[in-house]
Amino acid sequence: MKVGNLTGHTEAGGVKMTWMNASLRAFVIFVYFVVATVWLPNFVVRLGPVASASSLVSDSVVLTVWGAGLGVGLWLLRWAQRRGLI
């Protein structure tokens, strides 16, 4: 992967990418990780059955949701890298 040059293009997987395109991709990745590791676990912890459960059960459920979001995100990043999307 080559670093940016004076023309404002970067090469990812042999495909030229503008800085705007790279910025949009980075923003989508950032939003995914915020939703998957911050918003979704926070939403789950406030659900009735999870909120009324013991702290061990509640923490375990939220940790599982957070871990799944993180794991899927990392897998998607690797998949996108192999396909030359990022």
C-alpha atoms as a PDB file:
ATOM      1  CA  MET A   1       0.000   0.000   0.000  1.00  0.00           C
ATOM      2  CA  LYS A   2       1.450   3.329  -1.015  1.00  0.00           C
ATOM      3  CA  VAL A   3       1.134   6.431   1.068  1.00  0.00           C
ATOM      4  CA  GLY A   4      -0.587   9.486  -0.377  1.00  0.00           C
ATOM      5  CA  ASN A   5       1.178  11.588  -2.961  1.00  0.00           C
ATOM      6  CA  LEU A   6       0.829  15.146  -4.192  1.00  0.00           C
ATOM      7  CA  THR A   7      -2.135  14.323  -6.428  1.00  0.00           C
ATOM      8  CA  GLY A   8      -4.335  13.543  -3.430  1.00  0.00           C
ATOM      9  CA  HIS A   9      -4.698   9.847  -4.235  1.00  0.00           C
ATOM     10  CA  THR A  10      -3.815   6.800  -2.203  1.00  0.00           C
ATOM     11  CA  GLU A  11      -3.614   3.253  -3.450  1.00  0.00           C
ATOM     12  CA  ALA A  12      -5.487   0.547  -1.543  1.00  0.00           C
ATOM     13  CA  GLY A  13      -5.207  -2.876  -3.084  1.00  0.00           C
ATOM     14  CA  GLY A  14      -4.028  -1.366  -6.346  1.00  0.00           C
ATOM     15  CA  VAL A  15      -7.101   0.875  -6.657  1.00  0.00           C
ATOM     16  CA  LYS A  16      -6.673   4.636  -6.499  1.00  0.00           C
ATOM     17  CA  MET A  17      -8.668   6.246  -3.736  1.00  0.00           C
ATOM     18  CA  THR A  18      -9.242   9.954  -3.150  1.00  0.00           C
ATOM     19  CA  TRP A  19      -8.888  11.475   0.292  1.00  0.00           C
ATOM     20  CA  MET A  20     -12.641  12.094   0.347  1.00  0.00           C
ATOM     21  CA  ASN A  21     -13.352   8.428  -0.341  1.00  0.00           C
ATOM     22  CA  ALA A  22     -10.874   7.346   2.322  1.00  0.00           C
ATOM     23  CA  SER A  23     -12.403   9.800   4.810  1.00  0.00           C
ATOM     24  CA  LEU A  24     -15.909   8.490   4.160  1.00  0.00           C
ATOM     25  CA  ARG A  25     -14.747   4.907   4.635  1.00  0.00           C
ATOM     26  CA  ALA A  26     -13.023   5.838   7.883  1.00  0.00           C
ATOM     27  CA  PHE A  27     -16.184   7.597   9.071  1.00  0.00           C
ATOM     28  CA  VAL A  28     -18.307   4.504   8.323  1.00  0.00           C
ATOM     29  CA  ILE A  29     -15.845   2.318  10.242  1.00  0.00           C
ATOM     30  CA  PHE A  30     -15.881   4.757  13.174  1.00  0.00           C
ATOM     31  CA  VAL A  31     -19.691   4.869  13.266  1.00  0.00           C
ATOM     32  CA  TYR A  32     -19.904   1.070  13.178  1.00  0.00           C
ATOM     33  CA  PHE A  33     -17.574   0.695  16.164  1.00  0.00           C
ATOM     34  CA  VAL A  34     -19.389   3.409  18.144  1.00  0.00           C
ATOM     35  CA  VAL A  35     -22.755   1.757  17.505  1.00  0.00           C
ATOM     36  CA  ALA A  36     -21.516  -1.811  18.090  1.00  0.00           C
ATOM     37  CA  THR A  37     -19.412  -1.174  21.205  1.00  0.00           C
ATOM     38  CA  VAL A  38     -21.094   1.829  22.863  1.00  0.00           C
ATOM     39  CA  TRP A  39     -24.704   2.333  21.802  1.00  0.00           C
ATOM     40  CA  LEU A  40     -25.840  -1.292  21.453  1.00  0.00           C
ATOM     41  CA  PRO A  41     -24.463  -2.514  24.822  1.00  0.00           C
ATOM     42  CA  ASN A  42     -25.965   0.575  26.486  1.00  0.00           C
ATOM     43  CA  PHE A  43     -29.321  -0.173  24.836  1.00  0.00           C
ATOM     44  CA  VAL A  44     -29.184  -3.836  25.922  1.00  0.00           C
ATOM     45  CA  VAL A  45     -28.341  -3.028  29.542  1.00  0.00           C
ATOM     46  CA  ARG A  46     -31.488  -0.869  29.778  1.00  0.00           C
ATOM     47  CA  LEU A  47     -33.838  -3.588  28.490  1.00  0.00           C
ATOM     48  CA  GLY A  48     -36.286  -4.812  31.124  1.00  0.00           C
ATOM     49  CA  PRO A  49     -35.120  -8.427  31.514  1.00  0.00           C
ATOM     50  CA  VAL A  50     -31.440  -7.485  31.502  1.00  0.00           C
ATOM     51  CA  ALA A  51     -31.883  -4.486  33.807  1.00  0.00           C
ATOM     52  CA  SER A  52     -33.817  -6.521  36.379  1.00  0.00           C
ATOM     53  CA  ALA A  53     -31.356  -9.439  36.353  1.00  0.00           C
ATOM     54  CA  SER A  54     -28.508  -9.777  38.805  1.00  0.00           C
ATOM     55  CA  SER A  55     -25.392  -7.762  38.114  1.00  0.00           C
ATOM     56  CA  LEU A  56     -23.448 -10.893  37.114  1.00  0.00           C
ATOM     57  CA  VAL A  57     -26.034 -11.844  34.485  1.00  0.00           C
ATOM     58  CA  SER A  58     -26.435  -8.259  33.288  1.00  0.00           C
ATOM     59  CA  ASP A  59     -22.687  -7.752  32.990  1.00  0.00           C
ATOM     60  CA  SER A  60     -22.276 -11.080  31.191  1.00  0.00           C
ATOM     61  CA  VAL A  61     -24.972 -10.239  28.641  1.00  0.00           C
ATOM     62  CA  VAL A  62     -23.540  -6.776  27.978  1.00  0.00           C
ATOM     63  CA  LEU A  63     -20.002  -8.152  27.743  1.00  0.00           C
ATOM     64  CA  THR A  64     -21.176 -10.737  25.215  1.00  0.00           C
ATOM     65  CA  VAL A  65     -22.907  -8.070  23.099  1.00  0.00           C
ATOM     66  CA  TRP A  66     -19.856  -5.805  23.279  1.00  0.00           C
ATOM     67  CA  GLY A  67     -17.470  -8.663  22.438  1.00  0.00           C
ATOM     68  CA  ALA A  68     -19.616  -9.787  19.516  1.00  0.00           C
ATOM     69  CA  GLY A  69     -19.734  -6.235  18.135  1.00  0.00           C
ATOM     70  CA  LEU A  70     -15.976  -5.872  18.482  1.00  0.00           C
ATOM     71  CA  GLY A  71     -15.221  -9.315  17.050  1.00  0.00           C
ATOM     72  CA  VAL A  72     -17.535  -8.884  14.063  1.00  0.00           C
ATOM     73  CA  GLY A  73     -16.078  -5.427  13.428  1.00  0.00           C
ATOM     74  CA  LEU A  74     -12.511  -6.728  13.424  1.00  0.00           C
ATOM     75  CA  TRP A  75     -13.508  -9.621  11.155  1.00  0.00           C
ATOM     76  CA  LEU A  76     -15.235  -7.193   8.766  1.00  0.00           C
ATOM     77  CA  LEU A  77     -12.146  -4.984   8.690  1.00  0.00           C
ATOM     78  CA  ARG A  78      -9.949  -7.943   7.771  1.00  0.00           C
ATOM     79  CA  TRP A  79     -12.473  -9.135   5.160  1.00  0.00           C
ATOM     80  CA  ALA A  80     -12.658  -5.652   3.608  1.00  0.00           C
ATOM     81  CA  GLN A  81      -8.861  -5.417   3.572  1.00  0.00           C
ATOM     82  CA  ARG A  82      -8.517  -8.753   1.776  1.00  0.00           C
ATOM     83  CA  ARG A  83     -11.062  -7.689  -0.847  1.00  0.00           C
ATOM     84  CA  GLY A  84      -9.248  -4.387  -1.367  1.00  0.00           C
ATOM     85  CA  LEU A  85     -12.098  -2.247  -0.109  1.00  0.00           C
ATOM     86  CA  ILE A  86     -10.006  -0.466   2.516  1.00  0.00           C
END
